[in-house]
Amino acid sequence: MFGLTPFNRNTVQRTTNDVTDFYNAIDDFFNDSFFPLRNLRNDTFKVDIRETDKEYLIEAEVPGIKKEEIQLDYDKERLIIYVQRKQEVNEDKDNYIHRERRITSMQRSIYLKNIDEKAIEAKLEEGILRISAPKQTITEIPKHRIMIE
């Protein structure tokens, strides 16, 4: 699609089988995947994290995923992005019957310290999940010397 090469398919050496090689040959010929999310099965989604003085900005690539299939949690200074997609195909045409079920789940955990967890915002647009995690204002804790007896 649009002359783009599927990301990260050839960057890491993986064990493949004849079926995977066949699908890769089809993808390379048509420069697109016939099977949505097939490229994500061997990998996880890509995440970019940027830090500013006031917040962390996270962008996660989740092509083809709906917001209902994403769960975001912040627990013990970790932002957890969890994706689970259930697909089911039921086709009855002439004498052919085609039924498939597939579950894809992926998860990323990002350590973010001193976050105002109630102010975290997320938005999904065109396959990109954008998360803004504002930092808490931390006041300097005064030092206190302890005398030893």
N, C-alpha and C. Protein backbone atom coordinates (compact mmCIF):
# COMPACT_ATOMS: atom_id res chain seq x y z
N MET A 1 0.85 -1.17 0.00
CA MET A 1 0.00 0.00 0.00
C MET A 1 0.89 1.23 0.00
N PHE A 2 0.72 2.11 -0.90
CA PHE A 2 1.44 3.37 -1.03
C PHE A 2 2.95 3.18 -1.15
N GLY A 3 3.42 2.02 -1.56
CA GLY A 3 4.84 1.83 -1.76
C GLY A 3 5.65 1.75 -0.49
N LEU A 4 5.02 1.45 0.64
CA LEU A 4 5.73 1.34 1.91
C LEU A 4 6.11 -0.11 2.15
N THR A 5 7.30 -0.32 2.69
CA THR A 5 7.74 -1.66 3.05
C THR A 5 7.31 -1.96 4.47
N PRO A 6 6.77 -3.15 4.75
CA PRO A 6 6.38 -3.49 6.13
C PRO A 6 7.55 -3.31 7.08
N PHE A 7 7.29 -2.68 8.22
CA PHE A 7 8.36 -2.33 9.13
C PHE A 7 8.92 -3.54 9.85
N ASN A 8 10.21 -3.54 10.04
CA ASN A 8 10.95 -4.46 10.90
C ASN A 8 10.89 -5.92 10.48
N ARG A 9 10.40 -6.24 9.28
CA ARG A 9 10.32 -7.64 8.92
C ARG A 9 11.70 -8.24 8.68
N ASN A 10 12.59 -7.49 8.05
CA ASN A 10 13.88 -8.04 7.69
C ASN A 10 15.02 -7.60 8.60
N THR A 11 14.73 -6.89 9.68
CA THR A 11 15.81 -6.38 10.52
C THR A 11 16.31 -7.38 11.53
N VAL A 12 15.49 -8.34 11.91
CA VAL A 12 15.90 -9.32 12.90
C VAL A 12 15.81 -10.70 12.26
N GLN A 13 16.85 -11.51 12.42
CA GLN A 13 16.85 -12.85 11.85
C GLN A 13 15.92 -13.74 12.66
N ARG A 14 14.95 -14.33 12.03
CA ARG A 14 14.00 -15.20 12.71
C ARG A 14 13.98 -16.55 12.01
N THR A 15 13.56 -17.56 12.73
CA THR A 15 13.34 -18.84 12.09
C THR A 15 12.01 -18.77 11.36
N THR A 16 12.02 -19.19 10.12
CA THR A 16 10.80 -19.13 9.32
C THR A 16 10.48 -20.52 8.81
N ASN A 17 9.30 -20.67 8.30
CA ASN A 17 8.93 -21.93 7.67
C ASN A 17 8.45 -21.63 6.26
N ASP A 18 8.08 -22.67 5.54
CA ASP A 18 7.68 -22.50 4.14
C ASP A 18 6.44 -21.63 3.99
N VAL A 19 5.50 -21.73 4.93
CA VAL A 19 4.28 -20.93 4.86
C VAL A 19 4.61 -19.45 5.02
N THR A 20 5.44 -19.11 6.01
CA THR A 20 5.84 -17.72 6.22
C THR A 20 6.59 -17.18 5.01
N ASP A 21 7.49 -17.99 4.44
CA ASP A 21 8.22 -17.57 3.25
C ASP A 21 7.26 -17.31 2.08
N PHE A 22 6.23 -18.14 1.95
CA PHE A 22 5.23 -17.95 0.90
C PHE A 22 4.51 -16.62 1.08
N TYR A 23 4.05 -16.33 2.32
CA TYR A 23 3.36 -15.06 2.58
C TYR A 23 4.29 -13.87 2.36
N ASN A 24 5.54 -13.99 2.75
CA ASN A 24 6.49 -12.90 2.52
C ASN A 24 6.68 -12.66 1.02
N ALA A 25 6.72 -13.73 0.23
CA ALA A 25 6.86 -13.58 -1.22
C ALA A 25 5.65 -12.86 -1.81
N ILE A 26 4.45 -13.21 -1.34
CA ILE A 26 3.24 -12.53 -1.81
C ILE A 26 3.28 -11.05 -1.42
N ASP A 27 3.65 -10.77 -0.15
CA ASP A 27 3.73 -9.38 0.31
C ASP A 27 4.73 -8.58 -0.52
N ASP A 28 5.89 -9.17 -0.77
CA ASP A 28 6.90 -8.47 -1.54
C ASP A 28 6.43 -8.21 -2.97
N PHE A 29 5.71 -9.17 -3.55
CA PHE A 29 5.22 -9.01 -4.92
C PHE A 29 4.22 -7.87 -5.01
N PHE A 30 3.27 -7.83 -4.08
CA PHE A 30 2.23 -6.80 -4.11
C PHE A 30 2.56 -5.60 -3.25
N ASN A 31 3.67 -5.65 -2.51
CA ASN A 31 4.12 -4.58 -1.64
C ASN A 31 3.05 -4.22 -0.60
N ASP A 32 2.34 -5.24 -0.10
CA ASP A 32 1.31 -5.04 0.92
C ASP A 32 0.99 -6.39 1.53
N SER A 33 0.41 -6.37 2.68
CA SER A 33 0.03 -7.61 3.34
C SER A 33 -1.43 -7.93 3.04
N PHE A 34 -1.69 -9.18 2.61
CA PHE A 34 -3.06 -9.62 2.42
C PHE A 34 -3.75 -9.83 3.76
N PHE A 35 -2.98 -10.07 4.79
CA PHE A 35 -3.53 -10.42 6.09
C PHE A 35 -3.24 -9.30 7.07
N PRO A 36 -4.25 -8.54 7.50
CA PRO A 36 -4.02 -7.43 8.41
C PRO A 36 -3.34 -7.89 9.68
N LEU A 37 -2.42 -7.10 10.15
CA LEU A 37 -1.67 -7.34 11.39
C LEU A 37 -0.74 -8.53 11.33
N ARG A 38 -0.54 -9.15 10.15
CA ARG A 38 0.38 -10.29 10.08
C ARG A 38 1.78 -9.87 10.47
N ASN A 39 2.17 -8.65 10.10
CA ASN A 39 3.50 -8.18 10.44
C ASN A 39 3.66 -7.92 11.93
N LEU A 40 2.57 -7.66 12.64
CA LEU A 40 2.65 -7.43 14.08
C LEU A 40 2.71 -8.73 14.87
N ARG A 41 2.35 -9.85 14.26
CA ARG A 41 2.35 -11.11 14.99
C ARG A 41 3.74 -11.50 15.46
N ASN A 42 4.75 -11.27 14.66
CA ASN A 42 6.11 -11.65 15.00
C ASN A 42 6.81 -10.59 15.83
N ASP A 43 6.15 -9.52 16.12
CA ASP A 43 6.77 -8.37 16.73
C ASP A 43 5.79 -7.78 17.72
N THR A 44 6.12 -6.65 18.26
CA THR A 44 5.17 -5.90 19.05
C THR A 44 5.10 -4.51 18.43
N PHE A 45 4.21 -3.70 18.91
CA PHE A 45 4.06 -2.39 18.29
C PHE A 45 5.22 -1.47 18.69
N LYS A 46 5.51 -0.54 17.82
CA LYS A 46 6.63 0.39 18.03
C LYS A 46 6.17 1.55 18.90
N VAL A 47 7.07 2.00 19.78
CA VAL A 47 6.75 3.08 20.71
C VAL A 47 7.87 4.12 20.67
N ASP A 48 7.49 5.39 20.57
CA ASP A 48 8.43 6.51 20.70
C ASP A 48 8.08 7.25 21.98
N ILE A 49 9.11 7.58 22.77
CA ILE A 49 8.89 8.29 24.04
C ILE A 49 9.74 9.55 24.01
N ARG A 50 9.09 10.67 24.26
CA ARG A 50 9.80 11.96 24.32
C ARG A 50 9.52 12.59 25.67
N GLU A 51 10.56 13.15 26.27
CA GLU A 51 10.41 13.80 27.57
C GLU A 51 10.64 15.30 27.43
N THR A 52 9.72 16.08 28.00
CA THR A 52 9.90 17.52 28.08
C THR A 52 9.98 17.88 29.56
N ASP A 53 10.11 19.16 29.85
CA ASP A 53 10.17 19.58 31.25
C ASP A 53 8.86 19.30 31.98
N LYS A 54 7.75 19.30 31.25
CA LYS A 54 6.44 19.20 31.89
C LYS A 54 5.75 17.84 31.73
N GLU A 55 6.18 17.05 30.73
CA GLU A 55 5.44 15.82 30.46
C GLU A 55 6.26 14.81 29.67
N TYR A 56 5.72 13.60 29.61
CA TYR A 56 6.21 12.56 28.71
C TYR A 56 5.20 12.46 27.58
N LEU A 57 5.68 12.37 26.35
CA LEU A 57 4.82 12.20 25.18
C LEU A 57 5.15 10.85 24.56
N ILE A 58 4.17 9.99 24.49
CA ILE A 58 4.36 8.64 23.99
C ILE A 58 3.53 8.47 22.74
N GLU A 59 4.14 7.91 21.69
CA GLU A 59 3.42 7.57 20.47
C GLU A 59 3.63 6.09 20.20
N ALA A 60 2.54 5.36 20.07
CA ALA A 60 2.59 3.93 19.79
C ALA A 60 1.92 3.66 18.45
N GLU A 61 2.60 2.90 17.59
CA GLU A 61 2.04 2.55 16.29
C GLU A 61 1.18 1.30 16.44
N VAL A 62 -0.12 1.45 16.24
CA VAL A 62 -1.05 0.32 16.35
C VAL A 62 -1.99 0.30 15.13
N PRO A 63 -1.44 0.01 13.95
CA PRO A 63 -2.26 0.06 12.73
C PRO A 63 -3.38 -0.97 12.76
N GLY A 64 -4.57 -0.54 12.38
CA GLY A 64 -5.71 -1.45 12.29
C GLY A 64 -6.38 -1.76 13.61
N ILE A 65 -5.90 -1.19 14.70
CA ILE A 65 -6.46 -1.46 16.03
C ILE A 65 -7.48 -0.38 16.36
N LYS A 66 -8.61 -0.80 16.95
CA LYS A 66 -9.64 0.15 17.39
C LYS A 66 -9.40 0.50 18.85
N LYS A 67 -9.92 1.64 19.29
CA LYS A 67 -9.69 2.07 20.68
C LYS A 67 -10.30 1.10 21.68
N GLU A 68 -11.36 0.39 21.29
CA GLU A 68 -11.97 -0.60 22.18
C GLU A 68 -11.05 -1.79 22.42
N GLU A 69 -10.04 -1.96 21.58
CA GLU A 69 -9.12 -3.09 21.70
C GLU A 69 -7.85 -2.73 22.46
N ILE A 70 -7.80 -1.51 23.00
CA ILE A 70 -6.63 -1.03 23.73
C ILE A 70 -7.00 -0.77 25.17
N GLN A 71 -6.13 -1.18 26.07
CA GLN A 71 -6.30 -0.89 27.49
C GLN A 71 -5.04 -0.19 27.99
N LEU A 72 -5.21 0.94 28.68
CA LEU A 72 -4.09 1.69 29.26
C LEU A 72 -4.21 1.67 30.77
N ASP A 73 -3.12 1.32 31.43
CA ASP A 73 -3.08 1.32 32.89
C ASP A 73 -1.81 2.02 33.35
N TYR A 74 -1.89 2.70 34.48
CA TYR A 74 -0.70 3.25 35.13
C TYR A 74 -0.68 2.68 36.54
N ASP A 75 0.33 1.87 36.83
CA ASP A 75 0.41 1.19 38.12
C ASP A 75 1.87 1.07 38.54
N LYS A 76 2.16 1.49 39.74
CA LYS A 76 3.51 1.39 40.32
C LYS A 76 4.57 1.97 39.38
N GLU A 77 4.31 3.19 38.93
CA GLU A 77 5.22 3.96 38.07
C GLU A 77 5.46 3.31 36.70
N ARG A 78 4.52 2.51 36.25
CA ARG A 78 4.61 1.89 34.93
C ARG A 78 3.34 2.17 34.14
N LEU A 79 3.54 2.67 32.92
CA LEU A 79 2.43 2.83 31.99
C LEU A 79 2.37 1.56 31.16
N ILE A 80 1.24 0.89 31.19
CA ILE A 80 1.10 -0.38 30.48
C ILE A 80 0.10 -0.19 29.35
N ILE A 81 0.55 -0.46 28.13
CA ILE A 81 -0.31 -0.40 26.95
C ILE A 81 -0.56 -1.84 26.54
N TYR A 82 -1.82 -2.25 26.60
CA TYR A 82 -2.19 -3.63 26.30
C TYR A 82 -3.17 -3.62 25.14
N VAL A 83 -2.87 -4.42 24.12
CA VAL A 83 -3.71 -4.51 22.93
C VAL A 83 -4.17 -5.96 22.79
N GLN A 84 -5.46 -6.15 22.62
CA GLN A 84 -5.98 -7.48 22.33
C GLN A 84 -7.04 -7.36 21.24
N ARG A 85 -6.83 -8.10 20.18
CA ARG A 85 -7.75 -8.06 19.04
C ARG A 85 -8.24 -9.47 18.74
N LYS A 86 -9.55 -9.61 18.67
CA LYS A 86 -10.15 -10.89 18.32
C LYS A 86 -10.79 -10.73 16.95
N GLN A 87 -10.44 -11.64 16.06
CA GLN A 87 -10.99 -11.60 14.71
C GLN A 87 -11.66 -12.93 14.41
N GLU A 88 -12.79 -12.86 13.75
CA GLU A 88 -13.48 -14.08 13.34
C GLU A 88 -14.03 -13.87 11.95
N VAL A 89 -13.78 -14.83 11.07
CA VAL A 89 -14.26 -14.77 9.70
C VAL A 89 -15.15 -15.99 9.47
N ASN A 90 -16.37 -15.75 9.04
CA ASN A 90 -17.30 -16.83 8.68
C ASN A 90 -17.85 -16.52 7.30
N GLU A 91 -17.45 -17.32 6.32
CA GLU A 91 -17.92 -17.11 4.95
C GLU A 91 -18.51 -18.41 4.42
N ASP A 92 -19.69 -18.32 3.87
CA ASP A 92 -20.33 -19.45 3.19
C ASP A 92 -20.68 -18.98 1.78
N LYS A 93 -19.96 -19.48 0.78
CA LYS A 93 -20.22 -19.13 -0.61
C LYS A 93 -20.24 -20.42 -1.43
N ASP A 94 -21.30 -20.62 -2.16
CA ASP A 94 -21.47 -21.83 -2.96
C ASP A 94 -21.18 -23.05 -2.10
N ASN A 95 -20.22 -23.86 -2.48
CA ASN A 95 -19.87 -25.06 -1.70
C ASN A 95 -18.64 -24.84 -0.83
N TYR A 96 -18.15 -23.61 -0.78
CA TYR A 96 -16.95 -23.33 0.00
C TYR A 96 -17.33 -22.79 1.37
N ILE A 97 -16.68 -23.29 2.38
CA ILE A 97 -16.89 -22.80 3.75
C ILE A 97 -15.54 -22.33 4.27
N HIS A 98 -15.51 -21.13 4.79
CA HIS A 98 -14.26 -20.56 5.32
C HIS A 98 -14.54 -20.02 6.70
N ARG A 99 -13.89 -20.56 7.70
CA ARG A 99 -14.05 -20.09 9.08
C ARG A 99 -12.66 -19.96 9.70
N GLU A 100 -12.41 -18.81 10.27
CA GLU A 100 -11.13 -18.56 10.95
C GLU A 100 -11.36 -17.77 12.21
N ARG A 101 -10.54 -18.02 13.20
CA ARG A 101 -10.51 -17.23 14.43
C ARG A 101 -9.06 -16.91 14.74
N ARG A 102 -8.85 -15.69 15.18
CA ARG A 102 -7.49 -15.28 15.50
C ARG A 102 -7.55 -14.30 16.66
N ILE A 103 -6.65 -14.49 17.62
CA ILE A 103 -6.51 -13.54 18.73
C ILE A 103 -5.09 -13.03 18.71
N THR A 104 -4.96 -11.72 18.67
CA THR A 104 -3.65 -11.08 18.71
C THR A 104 -3.58 -10.26 19.98
N SER A 105 -2.54 -10.48 20.79
CA SER A 105 -2.37 -9.63 21.97
C SER A 105 -0.92 -9.20 22.08
N MET A 106 -0.74 -7.95 22.44
CA MET A 106 0.58 -7.35 22.58
C MET A 106 0.56 -6.43 23.79
N GLN A 107 1.72 -6.23 24.38
CA GLN A 107 1.79 -5.37 25.57
C GLN A 107 3.15 -4.68 25.62
N ARG A 108 3.12 -3.42 26.02
CA ARG A 108 4.35 -2.67 26.29
C ARG A 108 4.22 -2.05 27.66
N SER A 109 5.30 -2.06 28.40
CA SER A 109 5.33 -1.47 29.74
C SER A 109 6.45 -0.44 29.75
N ILE A 110 6.11 0.78 30.18
CA ILE A 110 7.06 1.90 30.15
C ILE A 110 7.18 2.48 31.55
N TYR A 111 8.40 2.57 32.06
CA TYR A 111 8.64 3.14 33.38
C TYR A 111 8.61 4.66 33.28
N LEU A 112 7.66 5.28 33.99
CA LEU A 112 7.53 6.74 34.02
C LEU A 112 7.39 7.16 35.47
N LYS A 113 8.38 7.87 35.98
CA LYS A 113 8.39 8.26 37.38
C LYS A 113 7.77 9.64 37.56
N ASN A 114 7.14 9.86 38.72
CA ASN A 114 6.58 11.16 39.10
C ASN A 114 5.54 11.68 38.11
N ILE A 115 4.58 10.84 37.80
CA ILE A 115 3.52 11.20 36.85
C ILE A 115 2.25 11.55 37.62
N ASP A 116 1.55 12.56 37.13
CA ASP A 116 0.23 12.89 37.65
C ASP A 116 -0.76 11.95 36.95
N GLU A 117 -1.01 10.80 37.56
CA GLU A 117 -1.77 9.75 36.89
C GLU A 117 -3.20 10.14 36.54
N LYS A 118 -3.78 11.07 37.27
CA LYS A 118 -5.15 11.51 36.98
C LYS A 118 -5.21 12.43 35.75
N ALA A 119 -4.07 12.95 35.33
CA ALA A 119 -4.03 13.88 34.20
C ALA A 119 -3.53 13.23 32.90
N ILE A 120 -3.31 11.93 32.91
CA ILE A 120 -2.86 11.24 31.69
C ILE A 120 -3.99 11.27 30.66
N GLU A 121 -3.63 11.62 29.43
CA GLU A 121 -4.61 11.67 28.33
C GLU A 121 -4.11 10.82 27.18
N ALA A 122 -5.05 10.21 26.46
CA ALA A 122 -4.69 9.38 25.31
C ALA A 122 -5.67 9.61 24.18
N LYS A 123 -5.15 9.53 22.95
CA LYS A 123 -5.98 9.72 21.76
C LYS A 123 -5.47 8.80 20.66
N LEU A 124 -6.39 8.14 19.98
CA LEU A 124 -6.04 7.25 18.87
C LEU A 124 -6.47 7.89 17.57
N GLU A 125 -5.49 8.11 16.66
CA GLU A 125 -5.75 8.75 15.37
C GLU A 125 -4.92 8.09 14.29
N GLU A 126 -5.59 7.58 13.26
CA GLU A 126 -4.92 7.03 12.08
C GLU A 126 -3.84 6.01 12.44
N GLY A 127 -4.13 5.11 13.37
CA GLY A 127 -3.20 4.06 13.73
C GLY A 127 -2.10 4.46 14.69
N ILE A 128 -2.13 5.69 15.20
CA ILE A 128 -1.14 6.16 16.17
C ILE A 128 -1.85 6.48 17.48
N LEU A 129 -1.42 5.82 18.55
CA LEU A 129 -1.92 6.11 19.89
C LEU A 129 -0.99 7.14 20.51
N ARG A 130 -1.53 8.33 20.82
CA ARG A 130 -0.74 9.41 21.42
C ARG A 130 -1.14 9.55 22.88
N ILE A 131 -0.14 9.48 23.76
CA ILE A 131 -0.38 9.56 25.20
C ILE A 131 0.42 10.72 25.75
N SER A 132 -0.24 11.56 26.53
CA SER A 132 0.41 12.66 27.23
C SER A 132 0.35 12.34 28.71
N ALA A 133 1.53 12.25 29.35
CA ALA A 133 1.61 11.93 30.77
C ALA A 133 2.31 13.09 31.49
N PRO A 134 1.54 14.04 32.04
CA PRO A 134 2.14 15.19 32.72
C PRO A 134 2.90 14.77 33.98
N LYS A 135 4.00 15.46 34.21
CA LYS A 135 4.79 15.19 35.41
C LYS A 135 4.17 15.90 36.60
N GLN A 136 4.35 15.31 37.77
CA GLN A 136 3.91 15.96 39.00
C GLN A 136 4.92 17.03 39.38
N THR A 137 4.42 18.08 40.01
CA THR A 137 5.30 19.09 40.55
C THR A 137 5.81 18.58 41.88
N ILE A 138 7.10 18.39 41.94
CA ILE A 138 7.69 17.84 43.17
C ILE A 138 8.42 18.95 43.89
N THR A 139 8.04 19.14 45.11
CA THR A 139 8.74 20.12 45.92
C THR A 139 9.93 19.44 46.58
N GLU A 140 10.96 20.18 46.73
CA GLU A 140 12.19 19.65 47.34
C GLU A 140 11.91 19.30 48.80
N ILE A 141 12.23 18.09 49.16
CA ILE A 141 12.07 17.65 50.54
C ILE A 141 13.32 18.08 51.31
N PRO A 142 13.12 18.84 52.40
CA PRO A 142 14.29 19.32 53.14
C PRO A 142 15.03 18.15 53.80
N LYS A 143 16.34 18.29 53.84
CA LYS A 143 17.16 17.26 54.49
C LYS A 143 17.04 17.41 55.99
N HIS A 144 17.12 16.31 56.64
CA HIS A 144 17.06 16.30 58.10
C HIS A 144 18.17 15.39 58.60
N ARG A 145 19.05 15.93 59.35
CA ARG A 145 20.16 15.15 59.89
C ARG A 145 19.70 14.40 61.13
N ILE A 146 20.08 13.15 61.20
CA ILE A 146 19.72 12.30 62.33
C ILE A 146 20.96 12.06 63.17
N MET A 147 20.83 12.34 64.43
CA MET A 147 21.95 12.16 65.36
C MET A 147 22.04 10.69 65.78
N ILE A 148 23.24 10.22 65.85
CA ILE A 148 23.48 8.84 66.26
C ILE A 148 23.89 8.82 67.72
N GLU A 149 23.29 7.96 68.50
CA GLU A 149 23.63 7.86 69.93
C GLU A 149 24.72 6.85 70.16
